[in-house]
Amino acid sequence: MLYEAETFVHYLKDALADLVDLRKEKFERIYLETDLTALFERLLAWFEERSQSVSNSTESLRLIYYVRRALFKLVDREPEYAFYLMKLARLFRKSSSDVLEVNKLYKECE
């Protein structure tokens, strides 16, 4: 969990530092006024590459997806948040018989 959060923060810091001089601009202004879609698409692709190494461990994937979902929720990235909601729902559907949890995750995507 800590590794996921730490790499997420470092990625954003490095990517935003490349865009502008962070000493002169406030983070909120940069974040709100800049189109960061490409940046988050690269981050999502990188996360998915890393997920392949633990694809046979359902419990590890579940934990990783919960952490990533929370990270994207923190920065108000709904497309990536919904992506991990769907990944969690599929994982629950394949690995357990917890129909209520699967339904809850699908409803949250709407």
N, C-alpha and C. Protein backbone atom coordinates (compact mmCIF):
# COMPACT_ATOMS: atom_id res chain seq x y z
N MET A 1 0.82 -1.18 0.00
CA MET A 1 0.00 0.00 0.00
C MET A 1 0.87 1.25 0.00
N LEU A 2 1.86 1.26 0.86
CA LEU A 2 2.72 2.43 0.94
C LEU A 2 3.48 2.67 -0.36
N TYR A 3 3.90 1.59 -1.00
CA TYR A 3 4.62 1.72 -2.26
C TYR A 3 3.73 2.35 -3.32
N GLU A 4 2.48 1.93 -3.39
CA GLU A 4 1.55 2.49 -4.37
C GLU A 4 1.36 3.99 -4.11
N ALA A 5 1.13 4.35 -2.88
CA ALA A 5 0.92 5.76 -2.55
C ALA A 5 2.17 6.59 -2.81
N GLU A 6 3.31 6.07 -2.42
CA GLU A 6 4.56 6.81 -2.60
C GLU A 6 4.87 7.02 -4.08
N THR A 7 4.72 5.99 -4.90
CA THR A 7 5.01 6.15 -6.32
C THR A 7 4.02 7.09 -6.98
N PHE A 8 2.77 7.07 -6.54
CA PHE A 8 1.75 7.98 -7.07
C PHE A 8 2.14 9.43 -6.79
N VAL A 9 2.53 9.71 -5.57
CA VAL A 9 2.91 11.07 -5.18
C VAL A 9 4.16 11.52 -5.93
N HIS A 10 5.16 10.66 -6.01
CA HIS A 10 6.38 11.02 -6.72
C HIS A 10 6.12 11.23 -8.20
N TYR A 11 5.28 10.43 -8.78
CA TYR A 11 4.94 10.58 -10.20
C TYR A 11 4.30 11.93 -10.45
N LEU A 12 3.30 12.28 -9.64
CA LEU A 12 2.63 13.57 -9.81
C LEU A 12 3.58 14.73 -9.59
N LYS A 13 4.40 14.64 -8.57
CA LYS A 13 5.36 15.71 -8.28
C LYS A 13 6.33 15.90 -9.44
N ASP A 14 6.87 14.82 -9.96
CA ASP A 14 7.81 14.91 -11.08
C ASP A 14 7.13 15.43 -12.34
N ALA A 15 5.93 14.94 -12.61
CA ALA A 15 5.23 15.37 -13.82
C ALA A 15 4.85 16.84 -13.76
N LEU A 16 4.39 17.29 -12.62
CA LEU A 16 4.01 18.70 -12.48
C LEU A 16 5.24 19.60 -12.46
N ALA A 17 6.33 19.12 -11.91
CA ALA A 17 7.57 19.91 -11.90
C ALA A 17 8.07 20.11 -13.33
N ASP A 18 7.80 19.15 -14.21
CA ASP A 18 8.19 19.30 -15.61
C ASP A 18 7.33 20.34 -16.32
N LEU A 19 6.09 20.50 -15.87
CA LEU A 19 5.19 21.45 -16.52
C LEU A 19 5.54 22.91 -16.21
N VAL A 20 5.77 23.18 -14.95
CA VAL A 20 6.03 24.57 -14.52
C VAL A 20 6.99 24.57 -13.34
N ASP A 21 7.45 25.72 -13.02
CA ASP A 21 8.28 25.89 -11.83
C ASP A 21 7.35 25.96 -10.62
N LEU A 22 7.36 24.92 -9.80
CA LEU A 22 6.42 24.83 -8.69
C LEU A 22 6.66 25.88 -7.61
N ARG A 23 7.83 26.48 -7.59
CA ARG A 23 8.10 27.52 -6.59
C ARG A 23 7.32 28.79 -6.91
N LYS A 24 7.01 29.00 -8.17
CA LYS A 24 6.33 30.23 -8.57
C LYS A 24 4.82 30.08 -8.65
N GLU A 25 4.35 28.90 -8.85
CA GLU A 25 2.91 28.67 -9.01
C GLU A 25 2.38 27.81 -7.87
N LYS A 26 1.15 28.03 -7.52
CA LYS A 26 0.52 27.19 -6.51
C LYS A 26 0.06 25.89 -7.15
N PHE A 27 0.17 24.81 -6.41
CA PHE A 27 -0.20 23.50 -6.92
C PHE A 27 -1.65 23.48 -7.40
N GLU A 28 -2.56 24.06 -6.63
CA GLU A 28 -3.97 24.03 -6.98
C GLU A 28 -4.23 24.70 -8.33
N ARG A 29 -3.58 25.80 -8.57
CA ARG A 29 -3.77 26.52 -9.83
C ARG A 29 -3.29 25.67 -11.01
N ILE A 30 -2.14 25.06 -10.86
CA ILE A 30 -1.59 24.21 -11.92
C ILE A 30 -2.54 23.05 -12.17
N TYR A 31 -2.97 22.42 -11.10
CA TYR A 31 -3.81 21.23 -11.22
C TYR A 31 -5.15 21.56 -11.88
N LEU A 32 -5.73 22.68 -11.53
CA LEU A 32 -7.05 23.03 -12.05
C LEU A 32 -7.00 23.63 -13.46
N GLU A 33 -5.92 24.31 -13.81
CA GLU A 33 -5.86 25.00 -15.09
C GLU A 33 -5.15 24.22 -16.19
N THR A 34 -4.54 23.10 -15.86
CA THR A 34 -3.78 22.33 -16.84
C THR A 34 -4.53 21.05 -17.18
N ASP A 35 -4.54 20.69 -18.45
CA ASP A 35 -5.15 19.42 -18.86
C ASP A 35 -4.17 18.30 -18.57
N LEU A 36 -4.47 17.51 -17.57
CA LEU A 36 -3.57 16.45 -17.13
C LEU A 36 -4.00 15.07 -17.59
N THR A 37 -4.88 15.00 -18.56
CA THR A 37 -5.41 13.73 -19.03
C THR A 37 -4.31 12.79 -19.51
N ALA A 38 -3.40 13.29 -20.33
CA ALA A 38 -2.31 12.45 -20.84
C ALA A 38 -1.42 11.95 -19.72
N LEU A 39 -1.18 12.80 -18.74
CA LEU A 39 -0.35 12.42 -17.59
C LEU A 39 -0.99 11.27 -16.82
N PHE A 40 -2.29 11.36 -16.59
CA PHE A 40 -2.97 10.31 -15.84
C PHE A 40 -3.14 9.04 -16.68
N GLU A 41 -3.25 9.17 -17.99
CA GLU A 41 -3.30 7.98 -18.84
C GLU A 41 -1.99 7.21 -18.78
N ARG A 42 -0.86 7.93 -18.77
CA ARG A 42 0.44 7.26 -18.64
C ARG A 42 0.57 6.59 -17.28
N LEU A 43 0.10 7.26 -16.24
CA LEU A 43 0.14 6.68 -14.89
C LEU A 43 -0.71 5.43 -14.82
N LEU A 44 -1.89 5.47 -15.40
CA LEU A 44 -2.77 4.30 -15.41
C LEU A 44 -2.13 3.14 -16.15
N ALA A 45 -1.51 3.41 -17.29
CA ALA A 45 -0.83 2.36 -18.06
C ALA A 45 0.32 1.77 -17.26
N TRP A 46 1.05 2.61 -16.58
CA TRP A 46 2.17 2.14 -15.76
C TRP A 46 1.67 1.28 -14.61
N PHE A 47 0.58 1.69 -13.96
CA PHE A 47 -0.01 0.89 -12.89
C PHE A 47 -0.45 -0.48 -13.42
N GLU A 48 -1.04 -0.50 -14.59
CA GLU A 48 -1.53 -1.76 -15.16
C GLU A 48 -0.37 -2.69 -15.52
N GLU A 49 0.73 -2.14 -15.98
CA GLU A 49 1.91 -2.97 -16.25
C GLU A 49 2.39 -3.62 -14.96
N ARG A 50 2.41 -2.86 -13.89
CA ARG A 50 2.85 -3.40 -12.60
C ARG A 50 1.87 -4.43 -12.07
N SER A 51 0.60 -4.30 -12.38
CA SER A 51 -0.41 -5.26 -11.90
C SER A 51 -0.20 -6.64 -12.50
N GLN A 52 0.38 -6.70 -13.67
CA GLN A 52 0.59 -7.99 -14.33
C GLN A 52 1.50 -8.91 -13.52
N SER A 53 2.41 -8.33 -12.74
CA SER A 53 3.34 -9.16 -11.96
C SER A 53 2.66 -9.85 -10.78
N VAL A 54 1.50 -9.35 -10.35
CA VAL A 54 0.78 -9.98 -9.23
C VAL A 54 -0.59 -10.49 -9.67
N SER A 55 -0.77 -10.69 -10.94
CA SER A 55 -2.09 -11.05 -11.47
C SER A 55 -2.61 -12.39 -10.96
N ASN A 56 -1.75 -13.24 -10.44
CA ASN A 56 -2.22 -14.54 -9.94
C ASN A 56 -2.60 -14.50 -8.46
N SER A 57 -2.39 -13.39 -7.79
CA SER A 57 -2.73 -13.25 -6.39
C SER A 57 -3.96 -12.34 -6.23
N THR A 58 -5.10 -12.94 -6.00
CA THR A 58 -6.35 -12.20 -5.90
C THR A 58 -6.34 -11.22 -4.74
N GLU A 59 -5.84 -11.64 -3.60
CA GLU A 59 -5.82 -10.77 -2.43
C GLU A 59 -4.91 -9.56 -2.64
N SER A 60 -3.77 -9.78 -3.27
CA SER A 60 -2.86 -8.66 -3.54
C SER A 60 -3.48 -7.69 -4.52
N LEU A 61 -4.09 -8.21 -5.57
CA LEU A 61 -4.74 -7.34 -6.53
C LEU A 61 -5.87 -6.54 -5.90
N ARG A 62 -6.62 -7.18 -5.06
CA ARG A 62 -7.73 -6.49 -4.38
C ARG A 62 -7.21 -5.31 -3.57
N LEU A 63 -6.16 -5.53 -2.81
CA LEU A 63 -5.58 -4.47 -2.00
C LEU A 63 -5.01 -3.35 -2.88
N ILE A 64 -4.30 -3.72 -3.92
CA ILE A 64 -3.73 -2.74 -4.84
C ILE A 64 -4.83 -1.90 -5.49
N TYR A 65 -5.90 -2.55 -5.92
CA TYR A 65 -6.99 -1.82 -6.57
C TYR A 65 -7.69 -0.88 -5.60
N TYR A 66 -7.87 -1.29 -4.35
CA TYR A 66 -8.47 -0.40 -3.36
C TYR A 66 -7.60 0.84 -3.14
N VAL A 67 -6.29 0.64 -3.05
CA VAL A 67 -5.38 1.76 -2.83
C VAL A 67 -5.39 2.71 -4.04
N ARG A 68 -5.30 2.16 -5.22
CA ARG A 68 -5.30 2.99 -6.43
C ARG A 68 -6.61 3.75 -6.57
N ARG A 69 -7.70 3.09 -6.26
CA ARG A 69 -9.00 3.74 -6.34
C ARG A 69 -9.04 4.93 -5.39
N ALA A 70 -8.55 4.74 -4.18
CA ALA A 70 -8.52 5.83 -3.19
C ALA A 70 -7.62 6.98 -3.65
N LEU A 71 -6.48 6.65 -4.25
CA LEU A 71 -5.57 7.69 -4.72
C LEU A 71 -6.21 8.54 -5.82
N PHE A 72 -6.87 7.88 -6.76
CA PHE A 72 -7.51 8.63 -7.83
C PHE A 72 -8.71 9.43 -7.31
N LYS A 73 -9.38 8.93 -6.28
CA LYS A 73 -10.49 9.68 -5.67
C LYS A 73 -9.96 10.95 -5.02
N LEU A 74 -8.78 10.87 -4.41
CA LEU A 74 -8.19 12.04 -3.76
C LEU A 74 -7.91 13.18 -4.72
N VAL A 75 -7.57 12.86 -5.94
CA VAL A 75 -7.24 13.90 -6.93
C VAL A 75 -8.38 14.12 -7.91
N ASP A 76 -9.58 13.66 -7.57
CA ASP A 76 -10.79 13.87 -8.38
C ASP A 76 -10.66 13.42 -9.82
N ARG A 77 -10.10 12.24 -10.01
CA ARG A 77 -9.99 11.66 -11.36
C ARG A 77 -11.03 10.56 -11.50
N GLU A 78 -12.23 10.94 -11.91
CA GLU A 78 -13.34 10.00 -12.00
C GLU A 78 -13.13 8.86 -13.00
N PRO A 79 -12.54 9.11 -14.18
CA PRO A 79 -12.37 7.98 -15.11
C PRO A 79 -11.48 6.87 -14.55
N GLU A 80 -10.38 7.25 -13.92
CA GLU A 80 -9.48 6.25 -13.35
C GLU A 80 -10.10 5.60 -12.12
N TYR A 81 -10.82 6.39 -11.33
CA TYR A 81 -11.52 5.86 -10.16
C TYR A 81 -12.53 4.80 -10.60
N ALA A 82 -13.32 5.12 -11.62
CA ALA A 82 -14.31 4.17 -12.13
C ALA A 82 -13.65 2.93 -12.72
N PHE A 83 -12.50 3.12 -13.37
CA PHE A 83 -11.76 1.99 -13.93
C PHE A 83 -11.43 0.98 -12.84
N TYR A 84 -10.93 1.46 -11.70
CA TYR A 84 -10.58 0.53 -10.62
C TYR A 84 -11.81 0.01 -9.88
N LEU A 85 -12.91 0.74 -9.89
CA LEU A 85 -14.16 0.18 -9.36
C LEU A 85 -14.57 -1.04 -10.18
N MET A 86 -14.49 -0.91 -11.50
CA MET A 86 -14.85 -2.02 -12.38
C MET A 86 -13.88 -3.20 -12.20
N LYS A 87 -12.60 -2.90 -12.06
CA LYS A 87 -11.62 -3.97 -11.85
C LYS A 87 -11.92 -4.72 -10.54
N LEU A 88 -12.26 -3.96 -9.49
CA LEU A 88 -12.63 -4.60 -8.22
C LEU A 88 -13.89 -5.44 -8.35
N ALA A 89 -14.88 -4.91 -9.04
CA ALA A 89 -16.13 -5.66 -9.21
C ALA A 89 -15.87 -6.97 -9.96
N ARG A 90 -15.07 -6.91 -11.01
CA ARG A 90 -14.75 -8.13 -11.76
C ARG A 90 -13.97 -9.12 -10.90
N LEU A 91 -13.06 -8.60 -10.10
CA LEU A 91 -12.26 -9.46 -9.23
C LEU A 91 -13.14 -10.15 -8.19
N PHE A 92 -14.05 -9.39 -7.59
CA PHE A 92 -14.98 -9.98 -6.62
C PHE A 92 -15.88 -11.01 -7.30
N ARG A 93 -16.33 -10.70 -8.50
CA ARG A 93 -17.23 -11.62 -9.20
C ARG A 93 -16.53 -12.94 -9.52
N LYS A 94 -15.26 -12.88 -9.88
CA LYS A 94 -14.51 -14.09 -10.21
C LYS A 94 -14.08 -14.88 -8.98
N SER A 95 -13.76 -14.18 -7.91
CA SER A 95 -13.10 -14.85 -6.79
C SER A 95 -14.00 -15.17 -5.61
N SER A 96 -15.17 -14.58 -5.52
CA SER A 96 -15.99 -14.85 -4.35
C SER A 96 -17.46 -14.89 -4.75
N SER A 97 -18.23 -15.28 -3.79
CA SER A 97 -19.67 -15.33 -4.04
C SER A 97 -20.37 -14.17 -3.33
N ASP A 98 -19.63 -13.10 -3.06
CA ASP A 98 -20.18 -11.94 -2.39
C ASP A 98 -20.91 -11.05 -3.39
N VAL A 99 -22.13 -11.42 -3.70
CA VAL A 99 -22.93 -10.72 -4.69
C VAL A 99 -23.23 -9.29 -4.25
N LEU A 100 -23.43 -9.09 -2.96
CA LEU A 100 -23.73 -7.75 -2.46
C LEU A 100 -22.57 -6.78 -2.70
N GLU A 101 -21.36 -7.24 -2.49
CA GLU A 101 -20.19 -6.39 -2.73
C GLU A 101 -20.05 -6.07 -4.22
N VAL A 102 -20.26 -7.04 -5.07
CA VAL A 102 -20.20 -6.81 -6.52
C VAL A 102 -21.25 -5.80 -6.95
N ASN A 103 -22.47 -5.96 -6.46
CA ASN A 103 -23.54 -5.01 -6.80
C ASN A 103 -23.23 -3.61 -6.30
N LYS A 104 -22.67 -3.52 -5.09
CA LYS A 104 -22.33 -2.22 -4.52
C LYS A 104 -21.28 -1.52 -5.40
N LEU A 105 -20.28 -2.26 -5.85
CA LEU A 105 -19.23 -1.67 -6.69
C LEU A 105 -19.78 -1.23 -8.04
N TYR A 106 -20.64 -2.04 -8.65
CA TYR A 106 -21.23 -1.66 -9.94
C TYR A 106 -22.13 -0.43 -9.79
N LYS A 107 -22.90 -0.37 -8.72
CA LYS A 107 -23.78 0.79 -8.50
C LYS A 107 -22.97 2.06 -8.28
N GLU A 108 -21.83 1.94 -7.65
CA GLU A 108 -20.98 3.11 -7.41
C GLU A 108 -20.43 3.67 -8.70
N CYS A 109 -20.32 2.84 -9.72
CA CYS A 109 -19.83 3.30 -11.03
C CYS A 109 -20.83 4.16 -11.76
N GLU A 110 -22.08 4.05 -11.45
CA GLU A 110 -23.13 4.80 -12.18
C GLU A 110 -23.11 6.26 -11.85
